[in-house]
Amino acid sequence: MTPHDKRTTRRRFLGATATLGALAVAGCANSGDGAGGTDPTPTPDESMTDTPMETETATETEEMAAPDVPLVNYALTLEHLEHAFYRDGLAEFAEDELMNASVLSEFGQQIRMEVPGYLDTLRAHEAAHVDALAATVEKLGGTPVEEGEYDFGYGTPSEFLGVAQALENTGVAAYAGAAPQVVNNDILAAAAGIHSVEARHAAFLNLVNGDLPYPNGVDEAKSIDEVLEIAGGFVTSEVDPSVYETGEDRPAPDRTADDGVSDVDVLNYALTLEHLENAFYREGLAAFSDEELMNADALSGFDESVRMMVPDHLATAGAHEGAHVDAIAATVEKLGGTPVAEATYDFGYETPSEFLGVAKALENTGVAAYKGAAPSVSNDEVFSAALGIHSVEARHAALLNELNLESPFPAGVDEPKSMAEVREIAGQFIVSG
């Protein structure tokens, strides 16, 4: 590669990461009240206006395209599908039809009234993802895939909600399967922020379809071929699979930690958080009876069907955190390290409502912590497992936001927190250890 090529490729890379950054900070925030309503589009700054020099031919441009273009186009294919799904479905069904979907018959007014606004928020998120990913492909020197033609097969509002659930859960598995192949850390970090938002979407849609918001302690990943086969069930236009071929000579991912932080260090950092969450649920569920939790003041706006779910959903979240502790501790030992021990904590709650509020704060912090640390993990197996935990933390957070009368998915891209920021937050609860 010539010096000119390097400068051009670097301009493309900087533009691409700026585009995804714009998505995170500007394009996807919503009001938090489920209203959605707008179709946020990232606004490129001047660093994104660089274009290939006129002397470059199309062939030269494609040859210079960054190795992550096929993976970003793969994500764009899924986001096109999801955006078209919500756009078309929300144009077909009126709000009262969605609120009165038969699948929602067991829910009271609180949940049913939220559904149309939340679905519109999901539409806005997917639209912003489409715009940002397409701009990223262009800045990396590639050609963005276009929206296809689809047949989603629903005929009723309940069927629409069922397909939404399937699409969002597939999206979670798709990002988890592709992320370990991403070469560039900045693109990986942005993709991780979308991955957890897909998990938040999926958790709410699982809930309204009568399923567990978080059915597993670690979300599974699906390969590109598996996901394209699922997506192909909805795509009626022709698809060129060569667009997603990554090639055998692509460079290895550059996931590395700063300042000499090892995978064991990152795992012990994650283990510190999982110890804290595990102790939180263990102690809180011992302190409050099921009846006290169901009758928490924070849940007064929900009908009995939702309140009755809460103790079991909290117990499941606690079981997940306990399993995370065991798995991460075993991995630290396998890598030759010494797992950090559980500390002593003071979580500061006195009532069931305060307990639910702290749970929300801890789970959302966990999402930000995993997103911030994941690009530092060099071991592929450890990284993949961390992604599976990351999305489960996001599912937990979505439900707890909902129970605390906040949007399950407050932004289109989840923000990361640094290790220092997370340790400062966790330190408020740690009294020894």
Protein backbone atom coordinates (compact mmCIF):
# COMPACT_ATOMS: atom_id res chain seq x y z
CA MET A 1 0.00 0.00 0.00
CA THR A 2 1.40 3.41 -0.97
CA PRO A 3 1.51 6.40 1.42
CA HIS A 4 -1.39 7.90 -0.55
CA ASP A 5 -3.40 4.69 -0.09
CA LYS A 6 -2.72 4.72 3.64
CA ARG A 7 -3.87 8.33 3.96
CA THR A 8 -7.03 7.64 1.96
CA THR A 9 -7.85 4.50 3.93
CA ARG A 10 -7.25 6.30 7.22
CA ARG A 11 -9.61 9.12 6.16
CA ARG A 12 -12.24 6.49 5.39
CA PHE A 13 -11.69 4.83 8.76
CA LEU A 14 -11.92 8.10 10.68
CA GLY A 15 -15.07 9.01 8.82
CA ALA A 16 -16.58 5.62 9.53
CA THR A 17 -15.91 5.70 13.24
CA ALA A 18 -17.18 9.27 13.41
CA THR A 19 -20.39 8.14 11.72
CA LEU A 20 -20.96 5.40 14.27
CA GLY A 21 -20.04 7.83 17.02
CA ALA A 22 -22.67 10.25 15.77
CA LEU A 23 -25.20 7.43 15.96
CA ALA A 24 -24.29 6.83 19.58
CA VAL A 25 -24.44 10.41 20.80
CA ALA A 26 -27.04 12.02 18.57
CA GLY A 27 -28.97 9.73 16.33
CA CYS A 28 -30.73 7.29 18.59
CA ALA A 29 -31.75 8.90 21.86
CA ASN A 30 -35.44 8.93 22.58
CA SER A 31 -37.48 10.72 25.16
CA GLY A 32 -37.69 7.70 27.43
CA ASP A 33 -41.48 7.84 27.44
CA GLY A 34 -41.91 5.35 24.63
CA ALA A 35 -43.23 7.99 22.28
CA GLY A 36 -40.52 7.59 19.69
CA GLY A 37 -42.01 9.70 16.95
CA THR A 38 -38.93 11.00 15.20
CA ASP A 39 -36.67 9.25 12.75
CA PRO A 40 -33.23 10.23 14.03
CA THR A 41 -30.48 10.39 11.44
CA PRO A 42 -26.84 10.96 12.36
CA THR A 43 -25.45 14.18 10.95
CA PRO A 44 -21.99 13.65 9.47
CA ASP A 45 -19.38 16.16 10.47
CA GLU A 46 -16.73 17.54 8.14
CA SER A 47 -14.41 14.60 8.79
CA MET A 48 -16.98 12.38 7.09
CA THR A 49 -17.05 14.32 3.83
CA ASP A 50 -13.78 12.94 2.44
CA THR A 51 -14.36 10.97 -0.74
CA PRO A 52 -11.98 8.85 -2.81
CA MET A 53 -9.88 10.91 -5.19
CA GLU A 54 -11.23 11.17 -8.71
CA THR A 55 -8.24 9.26 -10.07
CA GLU A 56 -9.33 6.10 -8.25
CA THR A 57 -11.25 3.63 -10.36
CA ALA A 58 -14.15 1.61 -8.98
CA THR A 59 -11.99 -1.51 -8.96
CA GLU A 60 -9.24 0.24 -7.01
CA THR A 61 -11.77 1.52 -4.51
CA GLU A 62 -13.20 -1.95 -3.89
CA GLU A 63 -9.72 -3.42 -3.51
CA MET A 64 -8.90 -0.78 -0.90
CA ALA A 65 -12.14 -1.33 1.04
CA ALA A 66 -11.50 -2.13 4.68
CA PRO A 67 -11.79 -5.79 5.73
CA ASP A 68 -14.80 -5.07 7.95
CA VAL A 69 -17.00 -3.98 5.02
CA PRO A 70 -18.61 -7.45 4.55
CA LEU A 71 -19.49 -7.62 8.24
CA VAL A 72 -20.91 -4.10 8.35
CA ASN A 73 -22.94 -4.89 5.23
CA TYR A 74 -24.18 -8.05 6.94
CA ALA A 75 -25.38 -5.97 9.89
CA LEU A 76 -26.88 -3.46 7.46
CA THR A 77 -28.85 -6.25 5.75
CA LEU A 78 -30.46 -7.16 9.07
CA GLU A 79 -31.13 -3.55 10.01
CA HIS A 80 -32.78 -2.92 6.62
CA LEU A 81 -35.04 -5.90 7.28
CA GLU A 82 -35.96 -4.78 10.80
CA HIS A 83 -36.53 -1.17 9.78
CA ALA A 84 -38.79 -2.17 6.89
CA PHE A 85 -40.66 -4.52 9.20
CA TYR A 86 -41.51 -1.82 11.75
CA ARG A 87 -42.11 0.88 9.14
CA ASP A 88 -44.56 -1.22 7.15
CA GLY A 89 -46.27 -2.82 10.13
CA LEU A 90 -46.84 0.46 11.95
CA ALA A 91 -48.33 1.88 8.76
CA GLU A 92 -50.70 -1.07 8.54
CA PHE A 93 -51.99 -1.27 12.12
CA ALA A 94 -53.57 1.56 14.09
CA GLU A 95 -52.49 2.20 17.67
CA ASP A 96 -55.74 0.86 19.09
CA GLU A 97 -55.33 -2.33 17.04
CA LEU A 98 -51.87 -2.86 18.51
CA MET A 99 -53.00 -2.07 22.06
CA ASN A 100 -55.85 -4.55 21.72
CA ALA A 101 -53.82 -7.36 20.15
CA SER A 102 -55.05 -10.67 21.51
CA VAL A 103 -51.54 -11.60 22.65
CA LEU A 104 -51.71 -8.66 25.08
CA SER A 105 -55.04 -9.70 26.60
CA GLU A 106 -53.42 -10.83 29.86
CA PHE A 107 -51.81 -7.43 30.40
CA GLY A 108 -53.37 -4.35 31.94
CA GLN A 109 -53.53 -0.85 30.58
CA GLN A 110 -49.95 0.15 31.48
CA ILE A 111 -48.27 -2.36 29.16
CA ARG A 112 -50.87 -2.20 26.39
CA MET A 113 -50.72 1.59 26.15
CA GLU A 114 -46.92 1.50 25.91
CA VAL A 115 -46.77 -0.91 22.98
CA PRO A 116 -47.46 1.43 20.02
CA GLY A 117 -45.01 4.08 21.22
CA TYR A 118 -42.32 1.54 22.02
CA LEU A 119 -42.72 -0.09 18.60
CA ASP A 120 -42.26 3.32 16.99
CA THR A 121 -39.13 3.83 19.09
CA LEU A 122 -37.82 0.52 17.77
CA ARG A 123 -38.55 1.69 14.23
CA ALA A 124 -36.57 4.87 14.87
CA HIS A 125 -33.66 2.89 16.32
CA GLU A 126 -33.51 0.57 13.31
CA ALA A 127 -33.72 3.52 10.90
CA ALA A 128 -30.80 5.21 12.63
CA HIS A 129 -28.82 1.96 12.57
CA VAL A 130 -29.43 1.71 8.81
CA ASP A 131 -28.23 5.25 8.17
CA ALA A 132 -25.12 4.91 10.31
CA LEU A 133 -24.10 1.49 9.00
CA ALA A 134 -24.61 2.54 5.37
CA ALA A 135 -22.48 5.64 5.91
CA THR A 136 -19.84 3.50 7.60
CA VAL A 137 -19.63 1.11 4.64
CA GLU A 138 -19.14 4.06 2.30
CA LYS A 139 -16.44 5.60 4.46
CA LEU A 140 -14.64 2.27 4.55
CA GLY A 141 -14.57 2.24 0.76
CA GLY A 142 -17.38 -0.23 0.17
CA THR A 143 -20.86 -0.16 -1.36
CA PRO A 144 -23.75 -0.41 1.11
CA VAL A 145 -26.28 -3.15 0.49
CA GLU A 146 -29.71 -1.82 -0.38
CA GLU A 147 -33.03 -2.56 1.24
CA GLY A 148 -34.64 -5.67 -0.19
CA GLU A 149 -38.22 -6.72 -0.74
CA TYR A 150 -39.88 -8.62 2.07
CA ASP A 151 -42.89 -10.68 3.04
CA PHE A 152 -43.13 -10.92 6.81
CA GLY A 153 -46.19 -13.15 6.75
CA TYR A 154 -48.22 -11.52 9.52
CA GLY A 155 -51.93 -10.87 9.20
CA THR A 156 -52.89 -9.67 12.67
CA PRO A 157 -51.35 -7.40 15.32
CA SER A 158 -50.52 -10.45 17.45
CA GLU A 159 -48.71 -12.08 14.55
CA PHE A 160 -46.86 -8.81 13.96
CA LEU A 161 -45.66 -8.81 17.58
CA GLY A 162 -44.61 -12.44 17.23
CA VAL A 163 -42.49 -11.73 14.15
CA ALA A 164 -40.97 -8.70 15.92
CA GLN A 165 -39.91 -10.98 18.76
CA ALA A 166 -38.30 -13.45 16.36
CA LEU A 167 -36.45 -10.74 14.42
CA GLU A 168 -35.03 -9.02 17.50
CA ASN A 169 -33.83 -12.24 19.12
CA THR A 170 -32.22 -13.22 15.82
CA GLY A 171 -30.53 -9.82 15.74
CA VAL A 172 -28.99 -10.46 19.16
CA ALA A 173 -27.57 -13.80 18.00
CA ALA A 174 -26.38 -12.28 14.72
CA TYR A 175 -24.32 -9.50 16.31
CA ALA A 176 -22.86 -11.97 18.81
CA GLY A 177 -21.83 -14.31 16.01
CA ALA A 178 -20.24 -11.67 13.79
CA ALA A 179 -18.56 -9.43 16.38
CA PRO A 180 -15.56 -11.70 17.06
CA GLN A 181 -14.58 -11.34 13.39
CA VAL A 182 -14.52 -7.52 13.38
CA VAL A 183 -10.99 -6.25 12.84
CA ASN A 184 -11.31 -2.65 13.94
CA ASN A 185 -11.86 -1.94 17.63
CA ASP A 186 -13.83 1.27 17.15
CA ILE A 187 -16.32 -0.40 14.83
CA LEU A 188 -16.48 -3.32 17.26
CA ALA A 189 -17.31 -1.01 20.17
CA ALA A 190 -20.13 0.65 18.23
CA ALA A 191 -21.47 -2.74 17.12
CA ALA A 192 -21.47 -3.91 20.75
CA GLY A 193 -23.64 -0.91 21.61
CA ILE A 194 -26.16 -1.93 18.95
CA HIS A 195 -25.96 -5.58 20.06
CA SER A 196 -27.13 -4.75 23.58
CA VAL A 197 -29.92 -2.51 22.27
CA GLU A 198 -31.18 -5.39 20.13
CA ALA A 199 -31.21 -7.43 23.36
CA ARG A 200 -33.23 -4.73 25.11
CA HIS A 201 -35.73 -4.77 22.25
CA ALA A 202 -35.90 -8.56 22.40
CA ALA A 203 -36.50 -8.61 26.15
CA PHE A 204 -39.54 -6.35 25.92
CA LEU A 205 -40.94 -8.24 22.95
CA ASN A 206 -40.43 -11.53 24.78
CA LEU A 207 -42.35 -10.07 27.71
CA VAL A 208 -45.37 -8.91 25.68
CA ASN A 209 -45.45 -12.23 23.84
CA GLY A 210 -45.71 -14.06 27.16
CA ASP A 211 -42.15 -15.39 27.23
CA LEU A 212 -39.24 -14.84 29.59
CA PRO A 213 -37.45 -11.56 28.85
CA TYR A 214 -34.14 -13.35 29.43
CA PRO A 215 -34.53 -17.09 28.77
CA ASN A 216 -30.84 -17.95 29.16
CA GLY A 217 -27.94 -16.88 31.35
CA VAL A 218 -25.75 -16.47 28.26
CA ASP A 219 -27.25 -15.56 24.89
CA GLU A 220 -26.27 -17.85 22.05
CA ALA A 221 -24.53 -16.67 18.90
CA LYS A 222 -25.48 -17.59 15.35
CA SER A 223 -23.20 -17.73 12.33
CA ILE A 224 -23.68 -15.53 9.29
CA ASP A 225 -24.97 -18.51 7.31
CA GLU A 226 -27.49 -19.42 10.02
CA VAL A 227 -28.81 -15.87 10.25
CA LEU A 228 -29.02 -15.37 6.49
CA GLU A 229 -31.04 -18.58 6.27
CA ILE A 230 -33.49 -17.23 8.87
CA ALA A 231 -33.64 -13.81 7.22
CA GLY A 232 -34.14 -15.50 3.86
CA GLY A 233 -37.53 -16.66 5.07
CA PHE A 234 -38.68 -13.03 4.85
CA VAL A 235 -36.69 -11.80 1.83
CA THR A 236 -38.41 -12.11 -1.55
CA SER A 237 -35.83 -10.21 -3.62
CA GLU A 238 -32.55 -11.64 -4.88
CA VAL A 239 -29.61 -11.69 -2.45
CA ASP A 240 -25.95 -11.88 -3.44
CA PRO A 241 -24.22 -13.90 -0.69
CA SER A 242 -20.77 -12.90 -1.96
CA VAL A 243 -21.33 -9.47 -0.40
CA TYR A 244 -20.82 -11.04 3.03
CA GLU A 245 -17.71 -13.08 2.23
CA THR A 246 -14.89 -11.99 4.51
CA GLY A 247 -12.07 -13.80 2.73
CA GLU A 248 -9.38 -16.06 4.13
CA ASP A 249 -6.59 -13.47 4.12
CA ARG A 250 -8.33 -10.88 6.31
CA PRO A 251 -6.23 -9.54 9.20
CA ALA A 252 -6.82 -10.74 12.74
CA PRO A 253 -8.94 -8.59 15.08
CA ASP A 254 -6.90 -5.99 16.95
CA ARG A 255 -8.64 -6.45 20.30
CA THR A 256 -5.96 -5.39 22.76
CA ALA A 257 -6.00 -3.78 26.17
CA ASP A 258 -4.29 -0.52 27.04
CA ASP A 259 -1.65 -0.18 29.73
CA GLY A 260 -0.79 -3.86 29.84
CA VAL A 261 -4.22 -5.02 31.03
CA SER A 262 -4.50 -8.78 30.45
CA ASP A 263 -7.53 -10.96 29.78
CA VAL A 264 -7.30 -12.15 33.39
CA ASP A 265 -7.44 -8.53 34.56
CA VAL A 266 -10.55 -7.89 32.45
CA LEU A 267 -12.17 -11.10 33.64
CA ASN A 268 -11.51 -10.26 37.28
CA TYR A 269 -13.02 -6.83 36.64
CA ALA A 270 -16.14 -8.53 35.25
CA LEU A 271 -16.10 -10.99 38.15
CA THR A 272 -16.08 -8.09 40.62
CA LEU A 273 -19.31 -6.80 39.07
CA GLU A 274 -20.91 -10.24 38.91
CA HIS A 275 -20.07 -10.87 42.59
CA LEU A 276 -21.75 -7.57 43.43
CA GLU A 277 -24.89 -8.34 41.40
CA ASN A 278 -25.08 -11.92 42.68
CA ALA A 279 -24.87 -10.75 46.30
CA PHE A 280 -27.41 -8.02 45.62
CA TYR A 281 -30.08 -10.43 44.37
CA ARG A 282 -29.24 -13.12 46.93
CA GLU A 283 -29.55 -10.74 49.87
CA GLY A 284 -32.51 -8.79 48.52
CA LEU A 285 -34.59 -11.84 47.69
CA ALA A 286 -33.90 -13.13 51.19
CA ALA A 287 -34.93 -9.81 52.71
CA PHE A 288 -38.27 -9.42 50.92
CA SER A 289 -41.07 -11.91 50.47
CA ASP A 290 -42.73 -12.48 47.11
CA GLU A 291 -45.79 -10.62 48.35
CA GLU A 292 -43.72 -7.61 49.39
CA LEU A 293 -42.03 -7.48 45.99
CA MET A 294 -45.33 -7.82 44.10
CA ASN A 295 -46.82 -4.98 46.13
CA ALA A 296 -43.87 -2.60 45.81
CA ASP A 297 -45.01 1.00 45.40
CA ALA A 298 -42.95 1.24 42.21
CA LEU A 299 -45.23 -1.38 40.62
CA SER A 300 -48.52 0.29 41.55
CA GLY A 301 -49.20 1.27 37.93
CA PHE A 302 -49.04 -2.32 36.73
CA ASP A 303 -51.82 -4.86 36.83
CA GLU A 304 -51.62 -8.10 38.78
CA SER A 305 -50.39 -10.14 35.81
CA VAL A 306 -47.16 -8.11 35.68
CA ARG A 307 -46.70 -7.82 39.44
CA MET A 308 -47.01 -11.59 39.84
CA MET A 309 -44.12 -12.11 37.40
CA VAL A 310 -41.69 -9.92 39.32
CA PRO A 311 -40.42 -12.30 42.04
CA ASP A 312 -39.67 -15.07 39.54
CA HIS A 313 -38.02 -12.68 37.07
CA LEU A 314 -35.83 -11.29 39.86
CA ALA A 315 -34.93 -14.81 41.00
CA THR A 316 -33.98 -15.72 37.43
CA ALA A 317 -31.78 -12.63 37.14
CA GLY A 318 -30.12 -13.61 40.41
CA ALA A 319 -29.53 -17.15 39.17
CA HIS A 320 -27.94 -15.75 36.02
CA GLU A 321 -25.54 -13.63 38.05
CA GLY A 322 -24.61 -16.63 40.18
CA ALA A 323 -23.88 -18.66 37.05
CA HIS A 324 -21.80 -15.79 35.65
CA VAL A 325 -19.73 -15.74 38.85
CA ASP A 326 -19.01 -19.46 38.60
CA ALA A 327 -18.17 -19.37 34.89
CA ILE A 328 -15.91 -16.32 35.06
CA ALA A 329 -14.07 -17.56 38.16
CA ALA A 330 -13.44 -20.90 36.45
CA THR A 331 -12.15 -19.11 33.34
CA VAL A 332 -9.75 -16.98 35.38
CA GLU A 333 -8.33 -20.14 36.94
CA LYS A 334 -8.09 -21.84 33.55
CA LEU A 335 -6.03 -18.90 32.30
CA GLY A 336 -3.69 -19.21 35.27
CA GLY A 337 -5.06 -16.35 37.35
CA THR A 338 -6.58 -16.03 40.81
CA PRO A 339 -10.28 -15.11 40.87
CA VAL A 340 -11.21 -12.10 42.99
CA ALA A 341 -13.32 -12.99 46.01
CA GLU A 342 -16.75 -11.66 46.87
CA ALA A 343 -16.66 -8.52 49.00
CA THR A 344 -19.02 -7.21 51.69
CA TYR A 345 -21.65 -4.78 50.45
CA ASP A 346 -24.16 -2.20 51.58
CA PHE A 347 -26.71 -1.59 48.83
CA GLY A 348 -28.61 1.05 50.77
CA TYR A 349 -32.17 -0.07 50.04
CA GLU A 350 -34.85 -0.35 52.72
CA THR A 351 -38.02 -0.97 50.73
CA PRO A 352 -38.92 -3.24 47.80
CA SER A 353 -39.20 -0.18 45.55
CA GLU A 354 -35.71 0.95 46.50
CA PHE A 355 -34.47 -2.59 45.84
CA LEU A 356 -35.95 -2.43 42.33
CA GLY A 357 -34.33 0.95 41.78
CA VAL A 358 -30.88 -0.30 42.77
CA ALA A 359 -31.37 -3.38 40.57
CA LYS A 360 -32.05 -1.12 37.59
CA ALA A 361 -28.91 0.93 38.29
CA LEU A 362 -26.70 -2.14 38.68
CA GLU A 363 -27.91 -3.86 35.51
CA ASN A 364 -27.55 -0.76 33.34
CA THR A 365 -24.06 -0.25 34.76
CA GLY A 366 -23.28 -3.85 33.87
CA VAL A 367 -24.27 -3.23 30.25
CA ALA A 368 -21.98 -0.20 30.03
CA ALA A 369 -19.16 -2.07 31.76
CA TYR A 370 -19.18 -5.03 29.40
CA LYS A 371 -19.36 -2.75 26.37
CA GLY A 372 -16.42 -0.71 27.61
CA ALA A 373 -14.23 -3.72 28.42
CA ALA A 374 -15.09 -6.15 25.61
CA PRO A 375 -12.71 -4.69 22.98
CA SER A 376 -9.85 -5.31 25.43
CA VAL A 377 -10.34 -9.10 25.45
CA SER A 378 -7.92 -10.81 23.08
CA ASN A 379 -8.99 -14.44 23.57
CA ASP A 380 -11.75 -15.26 21.06
CA GLU A 381 -13.58 -17.77 23.26
CA VAL A 382 -13.56 -15.45 26.25
CA PHE A 383 -14.68 -12.54 24.07
CA SER A 384 -17.59 -14.53 22.64
CA ALA A 385 -18.74 -15.58 26.11
CA ALA A 386 -18.50 -11.98 27.31
CA LEU A 387 -20.76 -10.89 24.46
CA GLY A 388 -23.31 -13.50 25.49
CA ILE A 389 -23.30 -12.13 29.04
CA HIS A 390 -23.36 -8.52 27.81
CA SER A 391 -26.67 -9.00 26.02
CA VAL A 392 -28.19 -10.83 28.99
CA GLU A 393 -27.28 -7.89 31.23
CA ALA A 394 -29.07 -5.69 28.67
CA ARG A 395 -32.15 -7.92 28.84
CA HIS A 396 -32.14 -7.66 32.64
CA ALA A 397 -31.76 -3.88 32.39
CA ALA A 398 -34.65 -3.57 29.92
CA LEU A 399 -37.09 -5.32 32.25
CA LEU A 400 -35.92 -3.38 35.30
CA ASN A 401 -36.22 -0.10 33.41
CA GLU A 402 -39.77 -1.08 32.51
CA LEU A 403 -40.65 -1.99 36.10
CA ASN A 404 -39.26 1.37 37.22
CA LEU A 405 -41.45 3.13 34.61
CA GLU A 406 -38.55 4.05 32.34
CA SER A 407 -37.98 3.11 28.72
CA PRO A 408 -36.53 -0.40 28.36
CA PHE A 409 -34.38 0.96 25.51
CA PRO A 410 -33.57 4.62 26.25
CA ALA A 411 -31.10 5.02 23.38
CA GLY A 412 -30.38 3.43 20.02
CA VAL A 413 -26.80 2.61 21.00
CA ASP A 414 -25.79 1.78 24.57
CA GLU A 415 -22.92 3.87 25.89
CA PRO A 416 -19.77 2.29 27.37
CA LYS A 417 -18.15 3.09 30.68
CA SER A 418 -14.46 2.77 31.42
CA MET A 419 -13.13 0.45 34.11
CA ALA A 420 -12.37 3.48 36.28
CA GLU A 421 -15.92 4.81 35.93
CA VAL A 422 -17.49 1.46 36.75
CA ARG A 423 -15.21 0.85 39.72
CA GLU A 424 -16.23 4.24 41.10
CA ILE A 425 -19.91 3.30 40.80
CA ALA A 426 -19.39 -0.16 42.28
CA GLY A 427 -17.27 1.29 45.07
CA GLN A 428 -20.33 3.04 46.47
CA PHE A 429 -21.71 -0.37 47.46
CA ILE A 430 -18.50 -2.11 48.59
CA VAL A 431 -17.65 -1.81 52.28
CA SER A 432 -14.81 -4.36 52.38
CA GLY A 433 -12.84 -6.58 50.06
